Amino acid sequence: MDRLQNFIGGEWRRSSAKESLNVVNPASAKVLAEVPLSPAADVNAAVEVAERAFVDWRRTPVVERIQPLFRLKTLLEQHRDEVALSITDECGKTLAESRAEIVRAVENVETATAMPLLIQGTNCEDVAAGIDEHMIRQPLGVAAAIVPFNFPGMIPFWFLPYAVAAGNCFLLKPSERVPITSQKIFRLIEQAGFPPGVVQLVNGGRDTVNAILDHPGIRAVSFVGSTATARYIYSRAAANGKRAQCQGGAKNPVVVMPDADMEMATRILADSAFGCAGQRCLAISVAITVGGAGPAFTEQIAAAARNRKTGSGAAPGVEMGPLISAESKARVEGLIAKAAQAGARVVVDGRGGKVPDYEDGYFVLPTVLDDVPPDSEAARTEIFGPVLSLIHARTIEEAIALVNARSYGNMACIFTTDGANARRFRYEVNAGNVGINVGVAAPMSTFPFSGWAESFFGDLHAQAHHAVEFFTQTKVIVERWPKEWSRKF
C-alpha cells in the first residue's frame, strides 16, 4: 500500500507524520493508499521554501509567469482520462462526471493565462496641478487553499492558477479523503516547469489546517467545505491577519412553475439532485412546485429516481455512484428517517439499497420525499446526498418566500416559460448563483463563483476577476516631478 508524499521545494518528500489514514474506494470499501497527517513541521518547511521562492517569482514578468500554465493546460488535457479515473476511484462519481470536472479545471487555467490583462491597474494624470496618480496590483506572498473531497480535480484550480499567475507562491492541502488525485495533478505540475517552491502540496487533517491558519508566512487562505468549517476557518484566519475566502454549505431550492417544460425540468433536475450522489454544493435538494405543477412533477421525478442506474462510477452506463464514506451513508439515511418522522412521505426510498458486486460500498439510492414540512430538518439541513425534498406552494410569491427563508444562499433556480416570472425570480431571490431553466448554475471560469449568507464567508469569491483581486494587493502612487528638477542637456 502506497504512503502518499508531500511536494515541497520541487521534490517529493516523505511526511514527518506519525499518524496516517487509509484512503478508501467508496464503491468497494477497498483501501487504495495511506495518507499522512502532516504536522506543523511539514507546513513550516513548505512555507519556508515558498517564502524564498517568492522573492524571485514576484519579480518574474507576468508574461513569463503564465508560461507554465500553458504547459499545464496541455498536460491536463493529455492526461484527462487518467486523472478522471483517479477521481472516480477515490471519490466515487461516474467517469463522465470526473472528466467534466477536469474540463472545468482546464477552463480556469485558461482564464488565468490572461493575467497580463487581468492584473492591470489604473492611472490618472493631473489629479492636481503637476501631480499624477497610479494604482498597481502586487502579489501578497504565500497563499494556501484547503479543498474538499467532492471535486478533487476542479476546486484546487479555482485558486491555484490565479494565485501563481499573479505572482504568489501557493500551498495546497487536499482533502485527506481524496488525496490521490492531487498526487497525479502535482506530477503534471512538476512537468509544467514551475520554479521550485512556487507550487507545493502538503497532505494532512485538522492539525495541518490549523498550522496553515496560524502560520505568519501565509497571507491568504481559500477554503471550500461545510458551513461550520468555513466559519471556523474564516474566523481563525482573520484573527491571524489573513485574507480569507470560505465557501460553505448549501440548501439549493428550485421552483417549478405550472408552465414549465416538465419533461426537460425533470431530466435536468434529476441530474442536479442525484448527480455526484448529491455531493456537490450546487446540487438541487428542495423542489418547490407551484400550483398545478405538483402532481406531474412529483410523478415524473419519482420515476426518474427509480430508474437511475446506481453503481460503481467506473462501470459503463452507471448514472450515480456511492457516497464518500460509511459515516456519510449513515448520516443521510438517518436524515431520511427523521424526515419521515416529521411528516414527509417517502415516495422513493433509497435506504438499504445494494449494488451487485459492490455490497460493501457506501450506496444510498436516489430518494424522493414529498410534502416535506418547510420548517423541518429535511427542508433546511444540507443533506449532501441523493435526496430531493418536495414542497408545494400556491403562488410564485409563496415560493420565493420559501426560497428566501433559508439560512443559505448558494444557488436558487426556476423552471418556467414565462419571462416575467423568471425576471422576478432572479431579481428577488437571495442567492449568489441563479439558474433560469438550469439545474446547476455553476459559473464559467470567467465569472466569480458567488455565494451569499451562510454559504460564503468573505468578500471576494473564487475565479475570474474576484480571484485576481483576492490574490493581489493594491498600491497607490502619487507622484510629482517639478519642471525645475528636469536636467538640461
Protein backbone atom coordinates (compact mmCIF):
# COMPACT_ATOMS: atom_id res chain seq x y z
CA MET A 1 0.00 0.00 0.00
CA ASP A 2 1.41 3.38 -1.05
CA ARG A 3 2.08 6.02 1.57
CA LEU A 4 1.45 9.34 -0.18
CA GLN A 5 4.08 12.06 -0.17
CA ASN A 6 4.20 15.83 0.07
CA PHE A 7 5.59 18.01 -2.72
CA ILE A 8 7.89 20.66 -1.27
CA GLY A 9 10.62 22.68 -2.94
CA GLY A 10 10.15 20.98 -6.27
CA GLU A 11 10.64 17.47 -4.94
CA TRP A 12 8.59 14.67 -3.41
CA ARG A 13 9.19 14.27 0.31
CA ARG A 14 8.04 11.77 2.88
CA SER A 15 5.97 13.45 5.59
CA SER A 16 7.31 13.51 9.13
CA ALA A 17 3.82 12.47 10.33
CA LYS A 18 3.49 9.60 12.77
CA GLU A 19 -0.23 9.26 12.08
CA SER A 20 -1.99 8.41 8.83
CA LEU A 21 -5.39 7.48 7.42
CA ASN A 22 -6.49 4.96 4.83
CA VAL A 23 -7.81 6.25 1.52
CA VAL A 24 -10.81 4.10 0.59
CA ASN A 25 -12.65 3.44 -2.65
CA PRO A 26 -16.26 4.23 -1.60
CA ALA A 27 -17.78 1.83 -4.13
CA SER A 28 -15.86 -1.24 -2.95
CA ALA A 29 -14.64 -0.15 0.51
CA LYS A 30 -11.16 -1.28 -0.52
CA VAL A 31 -8.11 0.61 0.73
CA LEU A 32 -6.27 2.46 -2.05
CA ALA A 33 -3.42 4.19 -0.21
CA GLU A 34 -2.29 5.67 3.08
CA VAL A 35 -2.27 9.45 3.56
CA PRO A 36 -0.04 11.05 6.22
CA LEU A 37 -1.49 13.59 8.64
CA SER A 38 1.33 16.07 8.27
CA PRO A 39 2.25 18.03 11.40
CA ALA A 40 3.06 21.74 11.65
CA ALA A 41 6.72 21.00 10.94
CA ASP A 42 5.85 19.96 7.38
CA VAL A 43 3.77 23.09 6.85
CA ASN A 44 6.63 25.20 8.22
CA ALA A 45 9.06 23.56 5.81
CA ALA A 46 6.76 24.25 2.84
CA VAL A 47 6.19 27.88 3.79
CA GLU A 48 9.89 28.49 4.35
CA VAL A 49 10.66 27.24 0.85
CA ALA A 50 7.75 29.23 -0.61
CA GLU A 51 8.88 32.47 1.03
CA ARG A 52 12.33 32.07 -0.50
CA ALA A 53 10.83 31.26 -3.91
CA PHE A 54 8.55 34.30 -3.73
CA VAL A 55 11.49 36.70 -3.82
CA ASP A 56 12.28 35.77 -7.42
CA TRP A 57 8.80 34.69 -8.54
CA ARG A 58 7.19 38.07 -7.85
CA ARG A 59 9.94 39.72 -9.93
CA THR A 60 9.35 37.34 -12.83
CA PRO A 61 7.50 39.20 -15.60
CA VAL A 62 3.83 38.26 -15.70
CA VAL A 63 4.11 37.10 -19.31
CA GLU A 64 6.71 34.57 -18.13
CA ARG A 65 4.73 33.51 -15.05
CA ILE A 66 1.89 32.26 -17.22
CA GLN A 67 4.06 30.06 -19.42
CA PRO A 68 3.97 27.04 -17.04
CA LEU A 69 0.17 27.39 -17.02
CA PHE A 70 0.05 26.96 -20.79
CA ARG A 71 2.10 23.78 -20.41
CA LEU A 72 -0.09 22.61 -17.51
CA LYS A 73 -3.25 23.10 -19.59
CA THR A 74 -1.86 20.81 -22.27
CA LEU A 75 -0.76 18.21 -19.72
CA LEU A 76 -4.19 18.19 -18.05
CA GLU A 77 -5.86 17.66 -21.40
CA GLN A 78 -3.47 14.88 -22.35
CA HIS A 79 -3.93 13.08 -19.03
CA ARG A 80 -7.62 13.85 -18.53
CA ASP A 81 -8.76 10.22 -18.53
CA GLU A 82 -6.02 9.14 -16.14
CA VAL A 83 -6.87 11.88 -13.64
CA ALA A 84 -10.61 11.26 -14.10
CA LEU A 85 -10.19 7.58 -13.24
CA SER A 86 -8.37 8.58 -10.06
CA ILE A 87 -11.26 10.88 -9.11
CA THR A 88 -13.76 8.07 -9.68
CA ASP A 89 -11.69 5.55 -7.71
CA GLU A 90 -11.39 7.65 -4.56
CA CYS A 91 -14.43 9.93 -4.79
CA GLY A 92 -16.99 7.57 -6.32
CA LYS A 93 -18.53 9.75 -9.02
CA THR A 94 -19.01 8.48 -12.55
CA LEU A 95 -16.26 8.74 -15.13
CA ALA A 96 -18.36 11.20 -17.14
CA GLU A 97 -18.66 13.45 -14.10
CA SER A 98 -14.93 13.13 -13.39
CA ARG A 99 -14.00 14.02 -16.97
CA ALA A 100 -16.28 17.05 -16.85
CA GLU A 101 -14.54 18.12 -13.65
CA ILE A 102 -11.16 18.19 -15.41
CA VAL A 103 -12.66 20.26 -18.23
CA ARG A 104 -13.68 22.89 -15.66
CA ALA A 105 -10.19 22.80 -14.16
CA VAL A 106 -8.66 23.46 -17.57
CA GLU A 107 -11.04 26.38 -18.13
CA ASN A 108 -9.71 28.08 -15.00
CA VAL A 109 -6.13 27.58 -16.15
CA GLU A 110 -7.08 29.17 -19.47
CA THR A 111 -8.67 32.17 -17.75
CA ALA A 112 -5.64 32.68 -15.52
CA THR A 113 -3.35 32.85 -18.55
CA ALA A 114 -5.00 36.21 -19.26
CA MET A 115 -3.25 37.61 -16.16
CA PRO A 116 -1.21 40.18 -18.14
CA LEU A 117 -4.55 41.83 -18.88
CA LEU A 118 -6.39 40.98 -15.65
CA ILE A 119 -3.71 42.36 -13.34
CA GLN A 120 -3.52 45.77 -14.97
CA GLY A 121 -4.00 48.80 -12.74
CA THR A 122 -5.36 52.31 -13.36
CA ASN A 123 -3.91 55.81 -13.60
CA CYS A 124 -4.98 59.41 -13.76
CA GLU A 125 -2.85 62.31 -14.93
CA ASP A 126 -3.14 65.71 -13.30
CA VAL A 127 -5.19 64.75 -10.26
CA ALA A 128 -3.77 68.05 -9.07
CA ALA A 129 -1.53 70.52 -10.81
CA GLY A 130 1.51 68.59 -12.00
CA ILE A 131 0.61 65.51 -9.97
CA ASP A 132 -0.22 62.08 -11.38
CA GLU A 133 -1.75 59.11 -9.54
CA HIS A 134 -1.46 55.38 -10.29
CA MET A 135 -2.89 52.20 -8.82
CA ILE A 136 -0.97 48.95 -9.38
CA ARG A 137 -1.51 45.39 -8.21
CA GLN A 138 1.19 43.40 -6.45
CA PRO A 139 1.18 39.80 -5.14
CA LEU A 140 0.61 39.02 -1.47
CA GLY A 141 3.28 36.39 -0.86
CA VAL A 142 2.32 32.83 0.10
CA ALA A 143 -1.31 31.71 -0.34
CA ALA A 144 -2.89 28.40 0.72
CA ALA A 145 -6.03 26.50 -0.24
CA ILE A 146 -7.85 23.86 1.81
CA VAL A 147 -10.09 21.94 -0.56
CA PRO A 148 -12.92 19.36 -0.13
CA PHE A 149 -13.44 15.76 -1.19
CA ASN A 150 -16.22 16.20 -3.72
CA PHE A 151 -14.25 17.89 -6.55
CA PRO A 152 -10.58 16.98 -6.04
CA GLY A 153 -9.70 17.73 -9.65
CA MET A 154 -11.55 21.02 -10.14
CA ILE A 155 -11.71 23.07 -6.96
CA PRO A 156 -7.92 23.43 -6.50
CA PHE A 157 -7.96 25.23 -9.84
CA TRP A 158 -10.42 27.83 -8.58
CA PHE A 159 -7.37 29.19 -6.78
CA LEU A 160 -4.01 27.79 -7.90
CA PRO A 161 -3.64 29.27 -11.41
CA TYR A 162 -4.77 32.75 -10.37
CA ALA A 163 -2.52 32.83 -7.31
CA VAL A 164 0.66 31.87 -9.15
CA ALA A 165 -0.06 33.93 -12.28
CA ALA A 166 -0.48 36.97 -10.02
CA GLY A 167 2.99 36.32 -8.60
CA ASN A 168 2.24 34.44 -5.38
CA CYS A 169 3.55 31.10 -4.20
CA PHE A 170 0.86 28.53 -3.46
CA LEU A 171 0.30 25.69 -0.98
CA LEU A 172 -2.46 23.10 -1.45
CA LYS A 173 -3.90 20.97 1.37
CA PRO A 174 -6.18 18.39 -0.31
CA SER A 175 -8.91 16.52 1.50
CA GLU A 176 -7.48 13.56 3.36
CA ARG A 177 -10.37 11.51 1.94
CA VAL A 178 -9.30 12.00 -1.71
CA PRO A 179 -5.58 12.87 -1.82
CA ILE A 180 -4.55 10.57 -4.68
CA THR A 181 -5.91 12.87 -7.39
CA SER A 182 -3.73 15.70 -6.10
CA GLN A 183 -0.70 13.41 -6.32
CA LYS A 184 -1.43 12.83 -10.01
CA ILE A 185 -2.09 16.52 -10.68
CA PHE A 186 1.15 17.52 -8.97
CA ARG A 187 3.06 15.06 -11.15
CA LEU A 188 1.78 17.17 -14.04
CA ILE A 189 2.59 20.41 -12.23
CA GLU A 190 6.11 19.07 -11.75
CA GLN A 191 6.40 18.61 -15.53
CA ALA A 192 4.93 22.06 -16.27
CA GLY A 193 8.13 23.74 -15.11
CA PHE A 194 7.25 25.98 -12.18
CA PRO A 195 10.35 27.04 -10.23
CA PRO A 196 10.87 25.01 -7.01
CA GLY A 197 8.73 26.31 -4.15
CA VAL A 198 6.16 28.15 -6.27
CA VAL A 199 3.52 25.36 -6.06
CA GLN A 200 3.53 22.89 -3.17
CA LEU A 201 1.42 20.10 -1.69
CA VAL A 202 1.06 19.13 1.98
CA ASN A 203 -1.27 16.28 2.97
CA GLY A 204 -2.98 16.20 6.33
CA GLY A 205 -6.00 16.71 8.52
CA ARG A 206 -7.19 19.15 11.17
CA ASP A 207 -3.75 19.80 12.69
CA THR A 208 -2.37 20.56 9.24
CA VAL A 209 -5.21 23.02 8.65
CA ASN A 210 -4.57 24.77 11.96
CA ALA A 211 -0.88 25.05 11.14
CA ILE A 212 -1.81 26.76 7.87
CA LEU A 213 -4.22 29.12 9.61
CA ASP A 214 -1.68 30.07 12.27
CA HIS A 215 1.46 30.37 10.17
CA PRO A 216 2.50 34.04 9.89
CA GLY A 217 4.08 33.47 6.49
CA ILE A 218 0.76 32.54 4.84
CA ARG A 219 -1.04 35.71 3.77
CA ALA A 220 -4.27 34.32 2.28
CA VAL A 221 -6.41 31.23 2.74
CA SER A 222 -9.06 29.78 0.40
CA PHE A 223 -11.49 27.12 1.55
CA VAL A 224 -14.46 25.09 0.29
CA GLY A 225 -16.45 22.80 2.59
CA SER A 226 -19.23 22.79 5.18
CA THR A 227 -20.59 25.99 6.69
CA ALA A 228 -19.43 25.09 10.19
CA THR A 229 -15.85 24.56 9.00
CA ALA A 230 -15.96 27.61 6.71
CA ARG A 231 -16.97 29.80 9.64
CA TYR A 232 -14.18 28.32 11.78
CA ILE A 233 -11.51 28.80 9.11
CA TYR A 234 -12.65 32.32 8.27
CA SER A 235 -12.63 33.34 11.94
CA ARG A 236 -9.24 31.83 12.74
CA ALA A 237 -7.63 33.11 9.55
CA ALA A 238 -8.99 36.62 10.11
CA ALA A 239 -7.86 36.59 13.74
CA ASN A 240 -4.36 35.88 12.43
CA GLY A 241 -4.50 38.79 9.99
CA LYS A 242 -5.03 36.75 6.83
CA ARG A 243 -7.30 37.27 3.91
CA ALA A 244 -9.87 34.50 3.66
CA GLN A 245 -12.49 33.35 1.17
CA CYS A 246 -14.50 30.47 2.57
CA GLN A 247 -17.23 28.72 0.60
CA GLY A 248 -19.67 26.97 2.94
CA GLY A 249 -22.65 24.66 2.65
CA ALA A 250 -25.89 24.98 0.77
CA LYS A 251 -29.53 24.00 0.58
CA ASN A 252 -30.36 24.80 -3.01
CA PRO A 253 -34.03 25.19 -3.99
CA VAL A 254 -35.69 25.08 -7.38
CA VAL A 255 -39.12 26.50 -8.18
CA VAL A 256 -41.10 24.54 -10.78
CA MET A 257 -43.88 26.62 -12.32
CA PRO A 258 -47.05 25.14 -13.91
CA ASP A 259 -45.93 26.41 -17.35
CA ALA A 260 -42.53 24.70 -17.16
CA ASP A 261 -41.44 22.21 -19.79
CA MET A 262 -41.98 19.31 -17.40
CA GLU A 263 -40.02 16.73 -19.35
CA MET A 264 -36.97 19.00 -19.61
CA ALA A 265 -37.27 20.12 -15.99
CA THR A 266 -37.47 16.55 -14.71
CA ARG A 267 -34.45 15.40 -16.71
CA ILE A 268 -32.29 18.36 -15.70
CA LEU A 269 -33.33 18.33 -12.05
CA ALA A 270 -32.78 14.59 -11.71
CA ASP A 271 -29.19 15.16 -12.87
CA SER A 272 -28.83 18.06 -10.45
CA ALA A 273 -30.30 16.29 -7.40
CA PHE A 274 -28.77 12.86 -7.95
CA GLY A 275 -25.62 13.59 -9.95
CA CYS A 276 -22.40 13.06 -7.96
CA ALA A 277 -24.74 11.32 -5.46
CA GLY A 278 -25.92 14.76 -4.38
CA GLN A 279 -22.44 15.56 -3.04
CA ARG A 280 -21.90 18.95 -4.61
CA CYS A 281 -22.51 22.43 -3.32
CA LEU A 282 -24.76 23.25 -6.29
CA ALA A 283 -26.98 20.17 -6.10
CA ILE A 284 -30.71 20.87 -6.06
CA SER A 285 -32.07 19.46 -2.80
CA VAL A 286 -35.50 21.12 -2.47
CA ALA A 287 -38.08 21.38 -5.27
CA ILE A 288 -40.91 23.84 -4.70
CA THR A 289 -43.76 23.20 -7.10
CA VAL A 290 -46.27 25.97 -7.74
CA GLY A 291 -49.98 25.35 -8.26
CA GLY A 292 -50.78 22.61 -10.75
CA ALA A 293 -47.12 21.66 -11.28
CA GLY A 294 -47.13 19.48 -8.16
CA PRO A 295 -48.74 16.19 -9.29
CA ALA A 296 -47.00 15.95 -12.66
CA PHE A 297 -43.56 16.82 -11.38
CA THR A 298 -43.85 14.52 -8.37
CA GLU A 299 -44.80 11.58 -10.59
CA GLN A 300 -42.08 12.21 -13.15
CA ILE A 301 -39.21 12.92 -10.71
CA ALA A 302 -40.13 9.79 -8.74
CA ALA A 303 -39.91 7.72 -11.92
CA ALA A 304 -36.54 9.30 -12.76
CA ALA A 305 -35.25 8.44 -9.28
CA ARG A 306 -36.41 4.81 -9.50
CA ASN A 307 -34.86 4.35 -12.94
CA ARG A 308 -31.49 5.95 -12.29
CA LYS A 309 -28.74 3.35 -12.58
CA THR A 310 -26.57 3.32 -9.46
CA GLY A 311 -23.27 1.50 -9.11
CA SER A 312 -19.52 1.83 -9.35
CA GLY A 313 -18.70 5.06 -11.15
CA ALA A 314 -16.17 3.21 -13.31
CA ALA A 315 -18.81 0.85 -14.75
CA PRO A 316 -20.38 1.61 -18.15
CA GLY A 317 -23.86 3.09 -18.09
CA VAL A 318 -23.83 3.99 -14.39
CA GLU A 319 -25.51 7.35 -13.67
CA MET A 320 -24.78 7.67 -9.94
CA GLY A 321 -22.04 6.39 -7.65
CA PRO A 322 -21.72 5.96 -3.88
CA LEU A 323 -21.40 8.41 -1.03
CA ILE A 324 -17.89 9.17 0.16
CA SER A 325 -17.90 7.16 3.41
CA ALA A 326 -19.79 4.84 5.71
CA GLU A 327 -20.35 7.80 8.04
CA SER A 328 -21.93 9.82 5.23
CA LYS A 329 -24.20 6.92 4.33
CA ALA A 330 -25.37 6.55 7.94
CA ARG A 331 -25.93 10.30 8.22
CA VAL A 332 -28.01 10.53 5.02
CA GLU A 333 -30.13 7.50 5.91
CA GLY A 334 -30.69 8.96 9.38
CA LEU A 335 -31.93 12.24 7.89
CA ILE A 336 -34.35 10.36 5.63
CA ALA A 337 -35.75 8.60 8.72
CA LYS A 338 -36.10 11.93 10.55
CA ALA A 339 -37.95 13.39 7.57
CA ALA A 340 -40.47 10.56 7.66
CA GLN A 341 -40.93 11.04 11.39
CA ALA A 342 -41.53 14.78 10.81
CA GLY A 343 -44.40 14.04 8.42
CA ALA A 344 -42.77 13.72 5.00
CA ARG A 345 -43.94 10.97 2.68
CA VAL A 346 -41.12 8.79 1.37
CA VAL A 347 -42.10 8.38 -2.28
CA VAL A 348 -38.84 6.73 -3.35
CA ASP A 349 -36.72 5.23 -0.55
CA GLY A 350 -33.01 4.78 -1.26
CA ARG A 351 -32.09 3.34 2.12
CA GLY A 352 -30.67 -0.13 2.29
CA GLY A 353 -30.06 -0.37 -1.44
CA LYS A 354 -27.46 -2.89 -2.56
CA VAL A 355 -25.39 -2.84 -5.71
CA PRO A 356 -24.43 -6.28 -7.12
CA ASP A 357 -20.71 -6.98 -6.71
CA TYR A 358 -20.38 -3.87 -4.53
CA GLU A 359 -22.32 -4.91 -1.44
CA ASP A 360 -19.77 -3.24 0.86
CA GLY A 361 -19.99 0.11 -0.92
CA TYR A 362 -21.44 3.24 0.63
CA PHE A 363 -24.55 3.45 -1.52
CA VAL A 364 -27.78 5.31 -0.87
CA LEU A 365 -30.07 5.12 -3.87
CA PRO A 366 -31.95 8.18 -5.21
CA THR A 367 -34.62 9.25 -2.72
CA VAL A 368 -37.68 11.49 -3.11
CA LEU A 369 -39.52 12.94 -0.10
CA ASP A 370 -42.94 14.54 -0.66
CA ASP A 371 -44.94 17.01 1.45
CA VAL A 372 -41.84 17.96 3.42
CA PRO A 373 -42.69 20.50 6.14
CA PRO A 374 -40.85 23.75 5.28
CA ASP A 375 -39.55 24.11 8.83
CA SER A 376 -38.34 20.52 9.11
CA GLU A 377 -34.71 19.40 9.18
CA ALA A 378 -35.04 17.79 5.74
CA ALA A 379 -36.05 21.14 4.25
CA ARG A 380 -33.34 23.18 5.97
CA THR A 381 -30.30 20.95 6.56
CA GLU A 382 -27.68 20.26 3.92
CA ILE A 383 -28.13 16.51 3.48
CA PHE A 384 -25.30 16.19 0.92
CA GLY A 385 -26.72 13.04 -0.52
CA PRO A 386 -29.11 11.94 -3.32
CA VAL A 387 -32.24 13.14 -1.56
CA LEU A 388 -34.78 15.52 -3.12
CA SER A 389 -37.42 17.10 -0.86
CA LEU A 390 -40.69 18.32 -2.40
CA ILE A 391 -42.65 21.30 -1.05
CA HIS A 392 -45.81 22.61 -2.67
CA ALA A 393 -46.75 26.31 -2.91
CA ARG A 394 -49.83 28.03 -4.26
CA THR A 395 -48.19 31.06 -5.89
CA ILE A 396 -44.80 32.29 -7.05
CA GLU A 397 -44.89 34.82 -4.20
CA GLU A 398 -45.16 31.99 -1.70
CA ALA A 399 -42.43 30.04 -3.48
CA ILE A 400 -39.98 32.97 -3.42
CA ALA A 401 -40.74 33.49 0.28
CA LEU A 402 -39.86 29.84 0.92
CA VAL A 403 -36.62 30.24 -1.05
CA ASN A 404 -35.64 33.32 0.94
CA ALA A 405 -36.44 31.75 4.31
CA ARG A 406 -33.24 29.66 4.13
CA SER A 407 -30.07 30.48 6.03
CA TYR A 408 -28.03 29.51 2.96
CA GLY A 409 -27.64 31.48 -0.25
CA ASN A 410 -25.53 29.48 -2.66
CA MET A 411 -27.95 28.84 -5.54
CA ALA A 412 -31.62 29.05 -6.49
CA CYS A 413 -33.25 28.02 -9.77
CA ILE A 414 -36.59 28.32 -11.52
CA PHE A 415 -38.15 26.39 -14.39
CA THR A 416 -40.70 28.39 -16.35
CA THR A 417 -41.57 29.58 -19.85
CA ASP A 418 -42.79 32.94 -18.50
CA GLY A 419 -40.13 35.65 -18.86
CA ALA A 420 -41.79 37.97 -16.35
CA ASN A 421 -41.77 35.30 -13.63
CA ALA A 422 -38.18 34.42 -14.48
CA ARG A 423 -37.09 38.07 -14.16
CA ARG A 424 -38.98 38.49 -10.90
CA PHE A 425 -37.34 35.37 -9.52
CA ARG A 426 -33.78 36.35 -10.39
CA TYR A 427 -34.40 39.85 -9.04
CA GLU A 428 -35.93 38.85 -5.69
CA VAL A 429 -34.25 35.61 -4.58
CA ASN A 430 -31.44 35.75 -2.06
CA ALA A 431 -28.81 33.63 -3.75
CA GLY A 432 -25.42 34.28 -5.27
CA ASN A 433 -25.89 31.90 -8.21
CA VAL A 434 -29.25 31.84 -10.01
CA GLY A 435 -30.43 29.43 -12.70
CA ILE A 436 -33.25 30.02 -15.18
CA ASN A 437 -34.23 26.65 -16.68
CA VAL A 438 -30.81 25.45 -15.49
CA GLY A 439 -30.34 22.85 -12.75
CA VAL A 440 -26.72 23.56 -11.82
CA ALA A 441 -25.98 27.27 -12.14
CA ALA A 442 -22.19 26.83 -11.97
CA PRO A 443 -20.46 29.98 -13.20
CA MET A 444 -17.95 29.64 -16.00
CA SER A 445 -14.34 30.41 -15.11
CA THR A 446 -14.71 33.95 -16.46
CA PHE A 447 -17.28 34.74 -13.74
CA PRO A 448 -16.87 34.56 -9.94
CA PHE A 449 -18.36 31.59 -8.11
CA SER A 450 -20.78 33.58 -5.99
CA GLY A 451 -22.45 32.69 -2.72
CA TRP A 452 -24.44 34.58 -0.09
CA ALA A 453 -25.44 34.32 3.57
CA GLU A 454 -24.09 31.22 5.34
CA SER A 455 -22.88 29.76 2.06
CA PHE A 456 -19.91 32.14 1.95
CA PHE A 457 -17.65 33.97 4.37
CA GLY A 458 -15.53 36.73 2.89
CA ASP A 459 -15.77 39.46 0.27
CA LEU A 460 -14.10 38.13 -2.87
CA HIS A 461 -15.12 34.81 -4.39
CA ALA A 462 -13.20 32.23 -6.39
CA GLN A 463 -12.48 32.52 -10.13
CA ALA A 464 -12.14 35.35 -12.61
CA HIS A 465 -11.58 38.97 -11.56
CA HIS A 466 -12.56 38.23 -7.94
CA ALA A 467 -9.63 35.79 -7.77
CA VAL A 468 -7.27 38.41 -9.21
CA GLU A 469 -8.37 40.92 -6.57
CA PHE A 470 -8.12 38.36 -3.78
CA PHE A 471 -4.58 37.30 -4.65
CA THR A 472 -3.23 40.82 -5.12
CA GLN A 473 -2.95 43.95 -3.01
CA THR A 474 -3.31 47.42 -4.45
CA LYS A 475 -0.66 50.08 -4.19
CA VAL A 476 -1.45 53.71 -4.98
CA ILE A 477 1.37 56.02 -6.08
CA VAL A 478 1.01 59.80 -6.09
CA GLU A 479 3.92 61.49 -7.87
CA ARG A 480 5.13 64.97 -8.73
CA TRP A 481 8.05 65.90 -10.98
CA PRO A 482 8.65 69.67 -10.82
CA LYS A 483 9.94 71.21 -14.02
CA GLU A 484 12.89 72.79 -12.24
CA TRP A 485 14.24 69.32 -11.49
CA SER A 486 14.49 68.48 -15.18
CA ARG A 487 18.01 68.09 -16.43
CA LYS A 488 19.05 70.32 -19.27
CA PHE A 489 21.16 68.75 -21.96
